[in-house]
């Protein structure tokens, strides 16, 4: 193999490595989201809170505006039971992102567990 041929093969190899690296970074960006470190939008928690308030209002027969939100904490639940498993029920064993929400009304505190979608569960102690 002559020097010119060797030089061409090395150049092609460099472009190949650079191309693979660029595609890898692009793929990571598409899967993981922006690399800027921007915080997620705060509106994502509002829907689960409103669902929990609506559920509690219906259960105890009040307007949801009478319910006080004591705290909202993001949680990665270990399965789809959202930390409140029912007896004799099988749950998918997948990490389920959601929230632990404490609501109160008239001196009583109610603990809700949610996913990031539309599931809310009133958990007893």
PDB file of N, CA and C in Angstrom:
ATOM      1  N   UNK A   1       0.853  -1.163   0.000  1.00  0.00           N
ATOM      2  CA  UNK A   1       0.000   0.000   0.000  1.00  0.00           C
ATOM      3  C   UNK A   1       0.905   1.234   0.000  1.00  0.00           C
ATOM      4  N   UNK A   2       0.649   2.146  -0.893  1.00  0.00           N
ATOM      5  CA  UNK A   2       1.495   3.331  -0.964  1.00  0.00           C
ATOM      6  C   UNK A   2       1.026   4.394   0.034  1.00  0.00           C
ATOM      7  N   UNK A   3       1.841   5.433   0.189  1.00  0.00           N
ATOM      8  CA  UNK A   3       1.559   6.472   1.172  1.00  0.00           C
ATOM      9  C   UNK A   3       0.245   7.198   0.885  1.00  0.00           C
ATOM     10  N   UNK A   4      -0.014   7.475  -0.387  1.00  0.00           N
ATOM     11  CA  UNK A   4      -1.241   8.203  -0.752  1.00  0.00           C
ATOM     12  C   UNK A   4      -2.481   7.380  -0.409  1.00  0.00           C
ATOM     13  N   UNK A   5      -2.433   6.107  -0.685  1.00  0.00           N
ATOM     14  CA  UNK A   5      -3.548   5.218  -0.378  1.00  0.00           C
ATOM     15  C   UNK A   5      -3.763   5.119   1.133  1.00  0.00           C
ATOM     16  N   UNK A   6      -2.673   5.017   1.871  1.00  0.00           N
ATOM     17  CA  UNK A   6      -2.745   4.952   3.330  1.00  0.00           C
ATOM     18  C   UNK A   6      -3.340   6.247   3.893  1.00  0.00           C
ATOM     19  N   UNK A   7      -2.920   7.382   3.351  1.00  0.00           N
ATOM     20  CA  UNK A   7      -3.416   8.680   3.797  1.00  0.00           C
ATOM     21  C   UNK A   7      -4.922   8.797   3.535  1.00  0.00           C
ATOM     22  N   UNK A   8      -5.395   8.328   2.393  1.00  0.00           N
ATOM     23  CA  UNK A   8      -6.828   8.374   2.058  1.00  0.00           C
ATOM     24  C   UNK A   8      -7.631   7.503   3.012  1.00  0.00           C
ATOM     25  N   UNK A   9      -7.113   6.304   3.326  1.00  0.00           N
ATOM     26  CA  UNK A   9      -7.817   5.420   4.247  1.00  0.00           C
ATOM     27  C   UNK A   9      -7.899   6.021   5.649  1.00  0.00           C
ATOM     28  N   UNK A  10      -6.832   6.682   6.097  1.00  0.00           N
ATOM     29  CA  UNK A  10      -6.852   7.331   7.412  1.00  0.00           C
ATOM     30  C   UNK A  10      -7.845   8.495   7.433  1.00  0.00           C
ATOM     31  N   UNK A  11      -7.891   9.248   6.341  1.00  0.00           N
ATOM     32  CA  UNK A  11      -8.845  10.368   6.264  1.00  0.00           C
ATOM     33  C   UNK A  11     -10.277   9.857   6.320  1.00  0.00           C
ATOM     34  N   UNK A  12     -10.560   8.805   5.567  1.00  0.00           N
ATOM     35  CA  UNK A  12     -11.899   8.216   5.581  1.00  0.00           C
ATOM     36  C   UNK A  12     -12.239   7.701   6.976  1.00  0.00           C
ATOM     37  N   UNK A  13     -11.283   7.112   7.635  1.00  0.00           N
ATOM     38  CA  UNK A  13     -11.503   6.604   8.993  1.00  0.00           C
ATOM     39  C   UNK A  13     -11.832   7.723   9.965  1.00  0.00           C
ATOM     40  N   UNK A  14     -11.124   8.839   9.847  1.00  0.00           N
ATOM     41  CA  UNK A  14     -11.401   9.993  10.718  1.00  0.00           C
ATOM     42  C   UNK A  14     -12.814  10.508  10.490  1.00  0.00           C
ATOM     43  N   UNK A  15     -13.203  10.647   9.214  1.00  0.00           N
ATOM     44  CA  UNK A  15     -14.552  11.121   8.928  1.00  0.00           C
ATOM     45  C   UNK A  15     -15.601  10.151   9.455  1.00  0.00           C
ATOM     46  N   UNK A  16     -15.327   8.875   9.373  1.00  0.00           N
ATOM     47  CA  UNK A  16     -16.246   7.870   9.879  1.00  0.00           C
ATOM     48  C   UNK A  16     -16.409   8.008  11.394  1.00  0.00           C
ATOM     49  N   UNK A  17     -15.303   8.145  12.109  1.00  0.00           N
ATOM     50  CA  UNK A  17     -15.352   8.292  13.564  1.00  0.00           C
ATOM     51  C   UNK A  17     -16.093   9.570  13.946  1.00  0.00           C
ATOM     52  N   UNK A  18     -15.789  10.674  13.264  1.00  0.00           N
ATOM     53  CA  UNK A  18     -16.463  11.947  13.552  1.00  0.00           C
ATOM     54  C   UNK A  18     -17.958  11.832  13.256  1.00  0.00           C
ATOM     55  N   UNK A  19     -18.311  11.179  12.162  1.00  0.00           N
ATOM     56  CA  UNK A  19     -19.720  10.994  11.819  1.00  0.00           C
ATOM     57  C   UNK A  19     -20.461  10.158  12.839  1.00  0.00           C
ATOM     58  N   UNK A  20     -19.842   9.084  13.296  1.00  0.00           N
ATOM     59  CA  UNK A  20     -20.479   8.232  14.306  1.00  0.00           C
ATOM     60  C   UNK A  20     -20.661   9.006  15.600  1.00  0.00           C
ATOM     61  N   UNK A  21     -19.655   9.770  16.005  1.00  0.00           N
ATOM     62  CA  UNK A  21     -19.752  10.569  17.229  1.00  0.00           C
ATOM     63  C   UNK A  21     -20.881  11.597  17.108  1.00  0.00           C
ATOM     64  N   UNK A  22     -20.968  12.266  15.957  1.00  0.00           N
ATOM     65  CA  UNK A  22     -22.011  13.270  15.760  1.00  0.00           C
ATOM     66  C   UNK A  22     -23.397  12.643  15.797  1.00  0.00           C
ATOM     67  N   UNK A  23     -23.573  11.502  15.148  1.00  0.00           N
ATOM     68  CA  UNK A  23     -24.868  10.823  15.172  1.00  0.00           C
ATOM     69  C   UNK A  23     -25.225  10.342  16.572  1.00  0.00           C
ATOM     70  N   UNK A  24     -24.230   9.899  17.323  1.00  0.00           N
ATOM     71  CA  UNK A  24     -24.476   9.463  18.698  1.00  0.00           C
ATOM     72  C   UNK A  24     -24.970  10.620  19.547  1.00  0.00           C
ATOM     73  N   UNK A  25     -24.326  11.779  19.421  1.00  0.00           N
ATOM     74  CA  UNK A  25     -24.757  12.950  20.178  1.00  0.00           C
ATOM     75  C   UNK A  25     -26.143  13.410  19.752  1.00  0.00           C
ATOM     76  N   UNK A  26     -26.419  13.363  18.477  1.00  0.00           N
ATOM     77  CA  UNK A  26     -27.729  13.735  17.977  1.00  0.00           C
ATOM     78  C   UNK A  26     -28.792  12.790  18.530  1.00  0.00           C
ATOM     79  N   UNK A  27     -28.509  11.500  18.499  1.00  0.00           N
ATOM     80  CA  UNK A  27     -29.446  10.514  19.035  1.00  0.00           C
ATOM     81  C   UNK A  27     -29.680  10.711  20.518  1.00  0.00           C
ATOM     82  N   UNK A  28     -28.615  11.001  21.258  1.00  0.00           N
ATOM     83  CA  UNK A  28     -28.754  11.258  22.692  1.00  0.00           C
ATOM     84  C   UNK A  28     -29.637  12.477  22.921  1.00  0.00           C
ATOM     85  N   UNK A  29     -29.428  13.509  22.129  1.00  0.00           N
ATOM     86  CA  UNK A  29     -30.227  14.719  22.273  1.00  0.00           C
ATOM     87  C   UNK A  29     -31.699  14.475  22.005  1.00  0.00           C
ATOM     88  N   UNK A  30     -31.997  13.617  21.044  1.00  0.00           N
ATOM     89  CA  UNK A  30     -33.391  13.306  20.740  1.00  0.00           C
ATOM     90  C   UNK A  30     -34.046  12.490  21.841  1.00  0.00           C
ATOM     91  N   UNK A  31     -33.295  11.593  22.458  1.00  0.00           N
ATOM     92  CA  UNK A  31     -33.847  10.730  23.504  1.00  0.00           C
ATOM     93  C   UNK A  31     -33.879  11.433  24.853  1.00  0.00           C
ATOM     94  N   UNK A  32     -32.790  12.093  25.227  1.00  0.00           N
ATOM     95  CA  UNK A  32     -32.663  12.672  26.560  1.00  0.00           C
ATOM     96  C   UNK A  32     -33.202  14.087  26.660  1.00  0.00           C
ATOM     97  N   UNK A  33     -33.460  14.735  25.563  1.00  0.00           N
ATOM     98  CA  UNK A  33     -33.931  16.104  25.616  1.00  0.00           C
ATOM     99  C   UNK A  33     -32.775  17.072  25.481  1.00  0.00           C
ATOM    100  N   UNK A  34     -33.040  18.348  25.690  1.00  0.00           N
ATOM    101  CA  UNK A  34     -32.000  19.349  25.502  1.00  0.00           C
ATOM    102  C   UNK A  34     -30.867  19.175  26.497  1.00  0.00           C
ATOM    103  N   UNK A  35     -29.651  19.516  26.051  1.00  0.00           N
ATOM    104  CA  UNK A  35     -28.483  19.385  26.901  1.00  0.00           C
ATOM    105  C   UNK A  35     -28.234  20.644  27.720  1.00  0.00           C
ATOM    106  N   UNK A  36     -29.125  21.601  27.674  1.00  0.00           N
ATOM    107  CA  UNK A  36     -28.915  22.879  28.338  1.00  0.00           C
ATOM    108  C   UNK A  36     -29.098  22.810  29.842  1.00  0.00           C
ATOM    109  N   UNK A  37     -29.682  21.737  30.351  1.00  0.00           N
ATOM    110  CA  UNK A  37     -29.915  21.638  31.785  1.00  0.00           C
ATOM    111  C   UNK A  37     -31.137  22.423  32.219  1.00  0.00           C
ATOM    112  N   UNK A  38     -31.983  22.802  31.290  1.00  0.00           N
ATOM    113  CA  UNK A  38     -33.169  23.571  31.636  1.00  0.00           C
ATOM    114  C   UNK A  38     -34.094  22.744  32.506  1.00  0.00           C
ATOM    115  N   UNK A  39     -34.702  23.386  33.478  1.00  0.00           N
ATOM    116  CA  UNK A  39     -35.632  22.704  34.377  1.00  0.00           C
ATOM    117  C   UNK A  39     -36.917  22.397  33.621  1.00  0.00           C
ATOM    118  N   UNK A  40     -37.598  21.292  33.996  1.00  0.00           N
ATOM    119  CA  UNK A  40     -38.866  20.990  33.345  1.00  0.00           C
ATOM    120  C   UNK A  40     -39.902  22.059  33.682  1.00  0.00           C
ATOM    121  N   UNK A  41     -40.892  22.160  32.834  1.00  0.00           N
ATOM    122  CA  UNK A  41     -41.942  23.143  33.060  1.00  0.00           C
ATOM    123  C   UNK A  41     -42.696  22.820  34.335  1.00  0.00           C
ATOM    124  N   UNK A  42     -43.021  23.844  35.105  1.00  0.00           N
ATOM    125  CA  UNK A  42     -43.704  23.629  36.374  1.00  0.00           C
ATOM    126  C   UNK A  42     -45.171  23.279  36.186  1.00  0.00           C
ATOM    127  N   UNK A  43     -45.739  23.493  35.011  1.00  0.00           N
ATOM    128  CA  UNK A  43     -47.137  23.192  34.764  1.00  0.00           C
ATOM    129  C   UNK A  43     -47.441  21.708  34.777  1.00  0.00           C
ATOM    130  N   UNK A  44     -46.418  20.854  34.706  1.00  0.00           N
ATOM    131  CA  UNK A  44     -46.629  19.420  34.681  1.00  0.00           C
ATOM    132  C   UNK A  44     -47.251  18.861  35.936  1.00  0.00           C
ATOM    133  N   UNK A  45     -47.070  19.521  37.060  1.00  0.00           N
ATOM    134  CA  UNK A  45     -47.609  19.043  38.322  1.00  0.00           C
ATOM    135  C   UNK A  45     -49.055  19.510  38.537  1.00  0.00           C
ATOM    136  N   UNK A  46     -49.472  20.530  37.815  1.00  0.00           N
ATOM    137  CA  UNK A  46     -50.795  21.102  38.043  1.00  0.00           C
ATOM    138  C   UNK A  46     -51.925  20.110  37.761  1.00  0.00           C
ATOM    139  N   UNK A  47     -51.815  19.330  36.683  1.00  0.00           N
ATOM    140  CA  UNK A  47     -52.885  18.382  36.330  1.00  0.00           C
ATOM    141  C   UNK A  47     -53.076  17.324  37.414  1.00  0.00           C
ATOM    142  N   UNK A  48     -52.016  16.659  37.905  1.00  0.00           N
ATOM    143  CA  UNK A  48     -52.228  15.684  38.978  1.00  0.00           C
ATOM    144  C   UNK A  48     -52.794  16.309  40.261  1.00  0.00           C
ATOM    145  N   UNK A  49     -52.367  17.513  40.591  1.00  0.00           N
ATOM    146  CA  UNK A  49     -52.899  18.192  41.783  1.00  0.00           C
ATOM    147  C   UNK A  49     -54.394  18.448  41.619  1.00  0.00           C
ATOM    148  N   UNK A  50     -54.780  18.939  40.451  1.00  0.00           N
ATOM    149  CA  UNK A  50     -56.202  19.212  40.211  1.00  0.00           C
ATOM    150  C   UNK A  50     -57.036  17.925  40.243  1.00  0.00           C
ATOM    151  N   UNK A  51     -56.483  16.833  39.707  1.00  0.00           N
ATOM    152  CA  UNK A  51     -57.200  15.553  39.753  1.00  0.00           C
ATOM    153  C   UNK A  51     -57.370  15.071  41.186  1.00  0.00           C
ATOM    154  N   UNK A  52     -56.321  15.213  41.998  1.00  0.00           N
ATOM    155  CA  UNK A  52     -56.397  14.800  43.405  1.00  0.00           C
ATOM    156  C   UNK A  52     -57.425  15.646  44.147  1.00  0.00           C
ATOM    157  N   UNK A  53     -57.415  16.951  43.913  1.00  0.00           N
ATOM    158  CA  UNK A  53     -58.388  17.831  44.566  1.00  0.00           C
ATOM    159  C   UNK A  53     -59.817  17.478  44.147  1.00  0.00           C
ATOM    160  N   UNK A  54     -60.016  17.201  42.872  1.00  0.00           N
ATOM    161  CA  UNK A  54     -61.352  16.843  42.387  1.00  0.00           C
ATOM    162  C   UNK A  54     -61.824  15.529  43.014  1.00  0.00           C
ATOM    163  N   UNK A  55     -60.913  14.557  43.130  1.00  0.00           N
ATOM    164  CA  UNK A  55     -61.268  13.276  43.738  1.00  0.00           C
ATOM    165  C   UNK A  55     -61.656  13.466  45.201  1.00  0.00           C
ATOM    166  N   UNK A  56     -60.852  14.227  45.941  1.00  0.00           N
ATOM    167  CA  UNK A  56     -61.146  14.446  47.355  1.00  0.00           C
ATOM    168  C   UNK A  56     -62.446  15.224  47.532  1.00  0.00           C
ATOM    169  N   UNK A  57     -62.651  16.238  46.721  1.00  0.00           N
ATOM    170  CA  UNK A  57     -63.886  17.026  46.813  1.00  0.00           C
ATOM    171  C   UNK A  57     -65.109  16.147  46.608  1.00  0.00           C
ATOM    172  N   UNK A  58     -65.037  15.243  45.642  1.00  0.00           N
ATOM    173  CA  UNK A  58     -66.159  14.339  45.386  1.00  0.00           C
ATOM    174  C   UNK A  58     -66.356  13.369  46.555  1.00  0.00           C
ATOM    175  N   UNK A  59     -65.255  12.850  47.105  1.00  0.00           N
ATOM    176  CA  UNK A  59     -65.350  11.889  48.217  1.00  0.00           C
ATOM    177  C   UNK A  59     -65.982  12.476  49.468  1.00  0.00           C
ATOM    178  N   UNK A  60     -65.604  13.724  49.787  1.00  0.00           N
ATOM    179  CA  UNK A  60     -66.101  14.286  51.053  1.00  0.00           C
ATOM    180  C   UNK A  60     -67.213  15.317  50.852  1.00  0.00           C
ATOM    181  N   UNK A  61     -67.624  15.516  49.604  1.00  0.00           N
ATOM    182  CA  UNK A  61     -68.785  16.347  49.303  1.00  0.00           C
ATOM    183  C   UNK A  61     -68.585  17.840  49.524  1.00  0.00           C
ATOM    184  N   UNK A  62     -67.468  18.370  49.040  1.00  0.00           N
ATOM    185  CA  UNK A  62     -67.203  19.803  49.142  1.00  0.00           C
ATOM    186  C   UNK A  62     -66.759  20.335  47.787  1.00  0.00           C
ATOM    187  N   UNK A  63     -66.612  21.633  47.688  1.00  0.00           N
ATOM    188  CA  UNK A  63     -66.050  22.254  46.491  1.00  0.00           C
ATOM    189  C   UNK A  63     -64.537  22.119  46.553  1.00  0.00           C
ATOM    190  N   UNK A  64     -63.905  21.872  45.413  1.00  0.00           N
ATOM    191  CA  UNK A  64     -62.454  21.658  45.436  1.00  0.00           C
ATOM    192  C   UNK A  64     -61.679  22.911  45.822  1.00  0.00           C
ATOM    193  N   UNK A  65     -62.299  24.089  45.690  1.00  0.00           N
ATOM    194  CA  UNK A  65     -61.656  25.321  46.116  1.00  0.00           C
ATOM    195  C   UNK A  65     -61.469  25.387  47.632  1.00  0.00           C
ATOM    196  N   UNK A  66     -62.182  24.561  48.376  1.00  0.00           N
ATOM    197  CA  UNK A  66     -62.067  24.526  49.837  1.00  0.00           C
ATOM    198  C   UNK A  66     -60.885  23.668  50.311  1.00  0.00           C
ATOM    199  N   UNK A  67     -60.231  22.997  49.384  1.00  0.00           N
ATOM    200  CA  UNK A  67     -59.126  22.099  49.720  1.00  0.00           C
ATOM    201  C   UNK A  67     -57.817  22.865  49.659  1.00  0.00           C
ATOM    202  N   UNK A  68     -56.971  22.648  50.664  1.00  0.00           N
ATOM    203  CA  UNK A  68     -55.660  23.291  50.727  1.00  0.00           C
ATOM    204  C   UNK A  68     -54.598  22.285  50.299  1.00  0.00           C
ATOM    205  N   UNK A  69     -53.707  22.708  49.403  1.00  0.00           N
ATOM    206  CA  UNK A  69     -52.578  21.876  48.994  1.00  0.00           C
ATOM    207  C   UNK A  69     -51.453  22.132  49.988  1.00  0.00           C
ATOM    208  N   UNK A  70     -51.145  21.132  50.797  1.00  0.00           N
ATOM    209  CA  UNK A  70     -50.100  21.263  51.824  1.00  0.00           C
ATOM    210  C   UNK A  70     -48.707  21.075  51.228  1.00  0.00           C
ATOM    211  N   UNK A  71     -48.555  20.063  50.371  1.00  0.00           N
ATOM    212  CA  UNK A  71     -47.252  19.828  49.743  1.00  0.00           C
ATOM    213  C   UNK A  71     -47.401  18.966  48.502  1.00  0.00           C
ATOM    214  N   UNK A  72     -46.417  19.110  47.616  1.00  0.00           N
ATOM    215  CA  UNK A  72     -46.332  18.297  46.403  1.00  0.00           C
ATOM    216  C   UNK A  72     -44.866  17.917  46.253  1.00  0.00           C
ATOM    217  N   UNK A  73     -44.613  16.607  46.171  1.00  0.00           N
ATOM    218  CA  UNK A  73     -43.237  16.110  46.089  1.00  0.00           C
ATOM    219  C   UNK A  73     -43.121  15.133  44.925  1.00  0.00           C
ATOM    220  N   UNK A  74     -42.162  15.352  44.012  1.00  0.00           N
ATOM    221  CA  UNK A  74     -41.975  14.373  42.932  1.00  0.00           C
ATOM    222  C   UNK A  74     -41.415  13.074  43.498  1.00  0.00           C
ATOM    223  N   UNK A  75     -41.904  11.956  42.971  1.00  0.00           N
ATOM    224  CA  UNK A  75     -41.497  10.627  43.443  1.00  0.00           C
ATOM    225  C   UNK A  75     -41.364   9.692  42.249  1.00  0.00           C
ATOM    226  N   UNK A  76     -40.389   8.791  42.317  1.00  0.00           N
ATOM    227  CA  UNK A  76     -40.277   7.696  41.341  1.00  0.00           C
ATOM    228  C   UNK A  76     -40.775   6.439  42.052  1.00  0.00           C
ATOM    229  N   UNK A  77     -42.016   6.072  41.801  1.00  0.00           N
ATOM    230  CA  UNK A  77     -42.612   4.893  42.440  1.00  0.00           C
ATOM    231  C   UNK A  77     -41.972   3.632  41.869  1.00  0.00           C
ATOM    232  N   UNK A  78     -41.777   2.584  42.681  1.00  0.00           N
ATOM    233  CA  UNK A  78     -41.104   1.376  42.189  1.00  0.00           C
ATOM    234  C   UNK A  78     -41.957   0.506  41.268  1.00  0.00           C
ATOM    235  N   UNK A  79     -43.263   0.760  41.247  1.00  0.00           N
ATOM    236  CA  UNK A  79     -44.152  -0.013  40.370  1.00  0.00           C
ATOM    237  C   UNK A  79     -45.407   0.806  40.106  1.00  0.00           C
ATOM    238  N   UNK A  80     -46.339   0.223  39.363  1.00  0.00           N
ATOM    239  CA  UNK A  80     -47.543   0.961  38.988  1.00  0.00           C
ATOM    240  C   UNK A  80     -48.599   1.023  40.086  1.00  0.00           C
ATOM    241  N   UNK A  81     -48.296   0.481  41.275  1.00  0.00           N
ATOM    242  CA  UNK A  81     -49.222   0.636  42.399  1.00  0.00           C
ATOM    243  C   UNK A  81     -49.138   2.045  42.971  1.00  0.00           C
ATOM    244  N   UNK A  82     -48.127   2.800  42.572  1.00  0.00           N
ATOM    245  CA  UNK A  82     -47.900   4.165  43.048  1.00  0.00           C
ATOM    246  C   UNK A  82     -47.691   4.212  44.556  1.00  0.00           C
ATOM    247  N   UNK A  83     -47.133   3.135  45.105  1.00  0.00           N
ATOM    248  CA  UNK A  83     -46.850   3.102  46.531  1.00  0.00           C
ATOM    249  C   UNK A  83     -48.050   2.757  47.394  1.00  0.00           C
ATOM    250  N   UNK A  84     -49.161   2.397  46.781  1.00  0.00           N
ATOM    251  CA  UNK A  84     -50.385   2.054  47.507  1.00  0.00           C
ATOM    252  C   UNK A  84     -50.959   0.744  46.966  1.00  0.00           C
ATOM    253  N   UNK A  85     -50.245  -0.363  47.148  1.00  0.00           N
ATOM    254  CA  UNK A  85     -50.717  -1.619  46.564  1.00  0.00           C
ATOM    255  C   UNK A  85     -51.993  -2.137  47.237  1.00  0.00           C
ATOM    256  N   UNK A  86     -52.863  -2.669  46.419  1.00  0.00           N
ATOM    257  CA  UNK A  86     -54.080  -3.313  46.892  1.00  0.00           C
ATOM    258  C   UNK A  86     -53.788  -4.802  47.071  1.00  0.00           C
ATOM    259  N   UNK A  87     -54.382  -5.441  48.088  1.00  0.00           N
ATOM    260  CA  UNK A  87     -54.153  -6.886  48.270  1.00  0.00           C
ATOM    261  C   UNK A  87     -54.611  -7.680  47.045  1.00  0.00           C
ATOM    262  N   UNK A  88     -53.901  -8.755  46.764  1.00  0.00           N
ATOM    263  CA  UNK A  88     -54.238  -9.674  45.672  1.00  0.00           C
ATOM    264  C   UNK A  88     -54.266  -9.000  44.293  1.00  0.00           C
ATOM    265  N   UNK A  89     -53.474  -7.967  44.119  1.00  0.00           N
ATOM    266  CA  UNK A  89     -53.397  -7.261  42.848  1.00  0.00           C
ATOM    267  C   UNK A  89     -51.959  -7.299  42.357  1.00  0.00           C
ATOM    268  N   UNK A  90     -51.785  -7.566  41.069  1.00  0.00           N
ATOM    269  CA  UNK A  90     -50.450  -7.613  40.467  1.00  0.00           C
ATOM    270  C   UNK A  90     -50.208  -6.293  39.751  1.00  0.00           C
ATOM    271  N   UNK A  91     -49.010  -5.743  39.934  1.00  0.00           N
ATOM    272  CA  UNK A  91     -48.660  -4.463  39.334  1.00  0.00           C
ATOM    273  C   UNK A  91     -47.438  -4.628  38.446  1.00  0.00           C
ATOM    274  N   UNK A  92     -47.367  -3.829  37.382  1.00  0.00           N
ATOM    275  CA  UNK A  92     -46.177  -3.821  36.528  1.00  0.00           C
ATOM    276  C   UNK A  92     -44.996  -3.295  37.328  1.00  0.00           C
ATOM    277  N   UNK A  93     -43.881  -4.003  37.254  1.00  0.00           N
ATOM    278  CA  UNK A  93     -42.679  -3.628  37.998  1.00  0.00           C
ATOM    279  C   UNK A  93     -41.820  -2.690  37.156  1.00  0.00           C
ATOM    280  N   UNK A  94     -42.306  -1.472  36.992  1.00  0.00           N
ATOM    281  CA  UNK A  94     -41.584  -0.447  36.248  1.00  0.00           C
ATOM    282  C   UNK A  94     -41.565   0.832  37.068  1.00  0.00           C
ATOM    283  N   UNK A  95     -40.477   1.559  36.978  1.00  0.00           N
ATOM    284  CA  UNK A  95     -40.397   2.841  37.668  1.00  0.00           C
ATOM    285  C   UNK A  95     -41.472   3.753  37.081  1.00  0.00           C
ATOM    286  N   UNK A  96     -42.293   4.326  37.960  1.00  0.00           N
ATOM    287  CA  UNK A  96     -43.395   5.170  37.538  1.00  0.00           C
ATOM    288  C   UNK A  96     -43.231   6.541  38.181  1.00  0.00           C
ATOM    289  N   UNK A  97     -42.915   7.535  37.377  1.00  0.00           N
ATOM    290  CA  UNK A  97     -42.750   8.890  37.905  1.00  0.00           C
ATOM    291  C   UNK A  97     -44.097   9.488  38.249  1.00  0.00           C
ATOM    292  N   UNK A  98     -44.125  10.212  39.340  1.00  0.00           N
ATOM    293  CA  UNK A  98     -45.358  10.858  39.758  1.00  0.00           C
ATOM    294  C   UNK A  98     -45.109  11.785  40.929  1.00  0.00           C
ATOM    295  N   UNK A  99     -46.152  11.933  41.777  1.00  0.00           N
ATOM    296  CA  UNK A  99     -46.087  12.888  42.885  1.00  0.00           C
ATOM    297  C   UNK A  99     -46.750  12.323  44.132  1.00  0.00           C
ATOM    298  N   UNK A 100     -46.257  12.775  45.282  1.00  0.00           N
ATOM    299  CA  UNK A 100     -46.918  12.556  46.564  1.00  0.00           C
ATOM    300  C   UNK A 100     -47.523  13.906  46.922  1.00  0.00           C
ATOM    301  N   UNK A 101     -48.840  13.939  47.059  1.00  0.00           N
ATOM    302  CA  UNK A 101     -49.560  15.190  47.278  1.00  0.00           C
ATOM    303  C   UNK A 101     -50.303  15.105  48.602  1.00  0.00           C
ATOM    304  N   UNK A 102     -50.076  16.081  49.462  1.00  0.00           N
ATOM    305  CA  UNK A 102     -50.812  16.159  50.715  1.00  0.00           C
ATOM    306  C   UNK A 102     -51.831  17.280  50.608  1.00  0.00           C
ATOM    307  N   UNK A 103     -53.090  16.915  50.810  1.00  0.00           N
ATOM    308  CA  UNK A 103     -54.188  17.874  50.774  1.00  0.00           C
ATOM    309  C   UNK A 103     -54.815  17.930  52.155  1.00  0.00           C
ATOM    310  N   UNK A 104     -55.424  19.055  52.479  1.00  0.00           N
ATOM    311  CA  UNK A 104     -56.108  19.131  53.774  1.00  0.00           C
ATOM    312  C   UNK A 104     -57.412  19.891  53.641  1.00  0.00           C
ATOM    313  N   UNK A 105     -58.315  19.546  54.555  1.00  0.00           N
ATOM    314  CA  UNK A 105     -59.606  20.236  54.678  1.00  0.00           C
ATOM    315  C   UNK A 105     -60.128  20.002  56.083  1.00  0.00           C
ATOM    316  N   UNK A 106     -60.504  21.081  56.737  1.00  0.00           N
ATOM    317  CA  UNK A 106     -61.155  21.017  58.049  1.00  0.00           C
ATOM    318  C   UNK A 106     -60.340  20.202  59.064  1.00  0.00           C
ATOM    319  N   UNK A 107     -59.024  20.408  59.066  1.00  0.00           N
ATOM    320  CA  UNK A 107     -58.155  19.752  60.039  1.00  0.00           C
ATOM    321  C   UNK A 107     -57.746  18.323  59.694  1.00  0.00           C
ATOM    322  N   UNK A 108     -58.232  17.785  58.596  1.00  0.00           N
ATOM    323  CA  UNK A 108     -57.872  16.440  58.161  1.00  0.00           C
ATOM    324  C   UNK A 108     -56.877  16.531  57.013  1.00  0.00           C
ATOM    325  N   UNK A 109     -55.890  15.613  57.006  1.00  0.00           N
ATOM    326  CA  UNK A 109     -54.907  15.561  55.933  1.00  0.00           C
ATOM    327  C   UNK A 109     -55.132  14.299  55.110  1.00  0.00           C
ATOM    328  N   UNK A 110     -55.021  14.431  53.802  1.00  0.00           N
ATOM    329  CA  UNK A 110     -55.246  13.334  52.875  1.00  0.00           C
ATOM    330  C   UNK A 110     -53.999  13.193  51.995  1.00  0.00           C
ATOM    331  N   UNK A 111     -53.523  11.944  51.876  1.00  0.00           N
ATOM    332  CA  UNK A 111     -52.306  11.674  51.104  1.00  0.00           C
ATOM    333  C   UNK A 111     -52.682  11.008  49.787  1.00  0.00           C
ATOM    334  N   UNK A 112     -52.321  11.684  48.700  1.00  0.00           N
ATOM    335  CA  UNK A 112     -52.554  11.158  47.358  1.00  0.00           C
ATOM    336  C   UNK A 112     -51.227  10.813  46.707  1.00  0.00           C
ATOM    337  N   UNK A 113     -51.222   9.717  45.960  1.00  0.00           N
ATOM    338  CA  UNK A 113     -50.080   9.340  45.121  1.00  0.00           C
ATOM    339  C   UNK A 113     -50.571   9.374  43.686  1.00  0.00           C
ATOM    340  N   UNK A 114     -49.740   9.899  42.785  1.00  0.00           N
ATOM    341  CA  UNK A 114     -50.156  10.021  41.393  1.00  0.00           C
ATOM    342  C   UNK A 114     -49.046   9.548  40.466  1.00  0.00           C
ATOM    343  N   UNK A 115     -49.432   9.325  39.209  1.00  0.00           N
ATOM    344  CA  UNK A 115     -48.426   9.192  38.159  1.00  0.00           C
ATOM    345  C   UNK A 115     -48.372  10.549  37.462  1.00  0.00           C
ATOM    346  N   UNK A 116     -47.662  10.647  36.353  1.00  0.00           N
ATOM    347  CA  UNK A 116     -47.607  11.930  35.647  1.00  0.00           C
ATOM    348  C   UNK A 116     -48.741  12.082  34.655  1.00  0.00           C
ATOM    349  N   UNK A 117     -49.600  11.095  34.598  1.00  0.00           N
ATOM    350  CA  UNK A 117     -50.727  11.135  33.678  1.00  0.00           C
ATOM    351  C   UNK A 117     -52.011  11.490  34.383  1.00  0.00           C
ATOM    352  N   UNK A 118     -52.938  10.531  34.411  1.00  0.00           N
ATOM    353  CA  UNK A 118     -54.248  10.832  34.974  1.00  0.00           C
ATOM    354  C   UNK A 118     -54.667   9.871  36.088  1.00  0.00           C
ATOM    355  N   UNK A 119     -53.699   9.209  36.721  1.00  0.00           N
ATOM    356  CA  UNK A 119     -54.015   8.312  37.844  1.00  0.00           C
ATOM    357  C   UNK A 119     -53.729   8.993  39.162  1.00  0.00           C
ATOM    358  N   UNK A 120     -54.714   9.012  40.043  1.00  0.00           N
ATOM    359  CA  UNK A 120     -54.530   9.483  41.407  1.00  0.00           C
ATOM    360  C   UNK A 120     -55.080   8.422  42.343  1.00  0.00           C
ATOM    361  N   UNK A 121     -54.362   8.184  43.439  1.00  0.00           N
ATOM    362  CA  UNK A 121     -54.770   7.172  44.394  1.00  0.00           C
ATOM    363  C   UNK A 121     -54.745   7.795  45.787  1.00  0.00           C
ATOM    364  N   UNK A 122     -55.851   7.710  46.504  1.00  0.00           N
ATOM    365  CA  UNK A 122     -55.898   8.149  47.892  1.00  0.00           C
ATOM    366  C   UNK A 122     -55.321   7.020  48.723  1.00  0.00           C
ATOM    367  N   UNK A 123     -54.226   7.296  49.434  1.00  0.00           N
ATOM    368  CA  UNK A 123     -53.548   6.264  50.217  1.00  0.00           C
ATOM    369  C   UNK A 123     -53.891   6.411  51.697  1.00  0.00           C
ATOM    370  N   UNK A 124     -54.269   5.312  52.301  1.00  0.00           N
ATOM    371  CA  UNK A 124     -54.493   5.308  53.747  1.00  0.00           C
ATOM    372  C   UNK A 124     -53.185   5.055  54.466  1.00  0.00           C
ATOM    373  N   UNK A 125     -53.112   5.407  55.716  1.00  0.00           N
ATOM    374  CA  UNK A 125     -51.876   5.190  56.488  1.00  0.00           C
ATOM    375  C   UNK A 125     -51.850   3.860  57.152  1.00  0.00           C
TER     376      UNK A 125
END
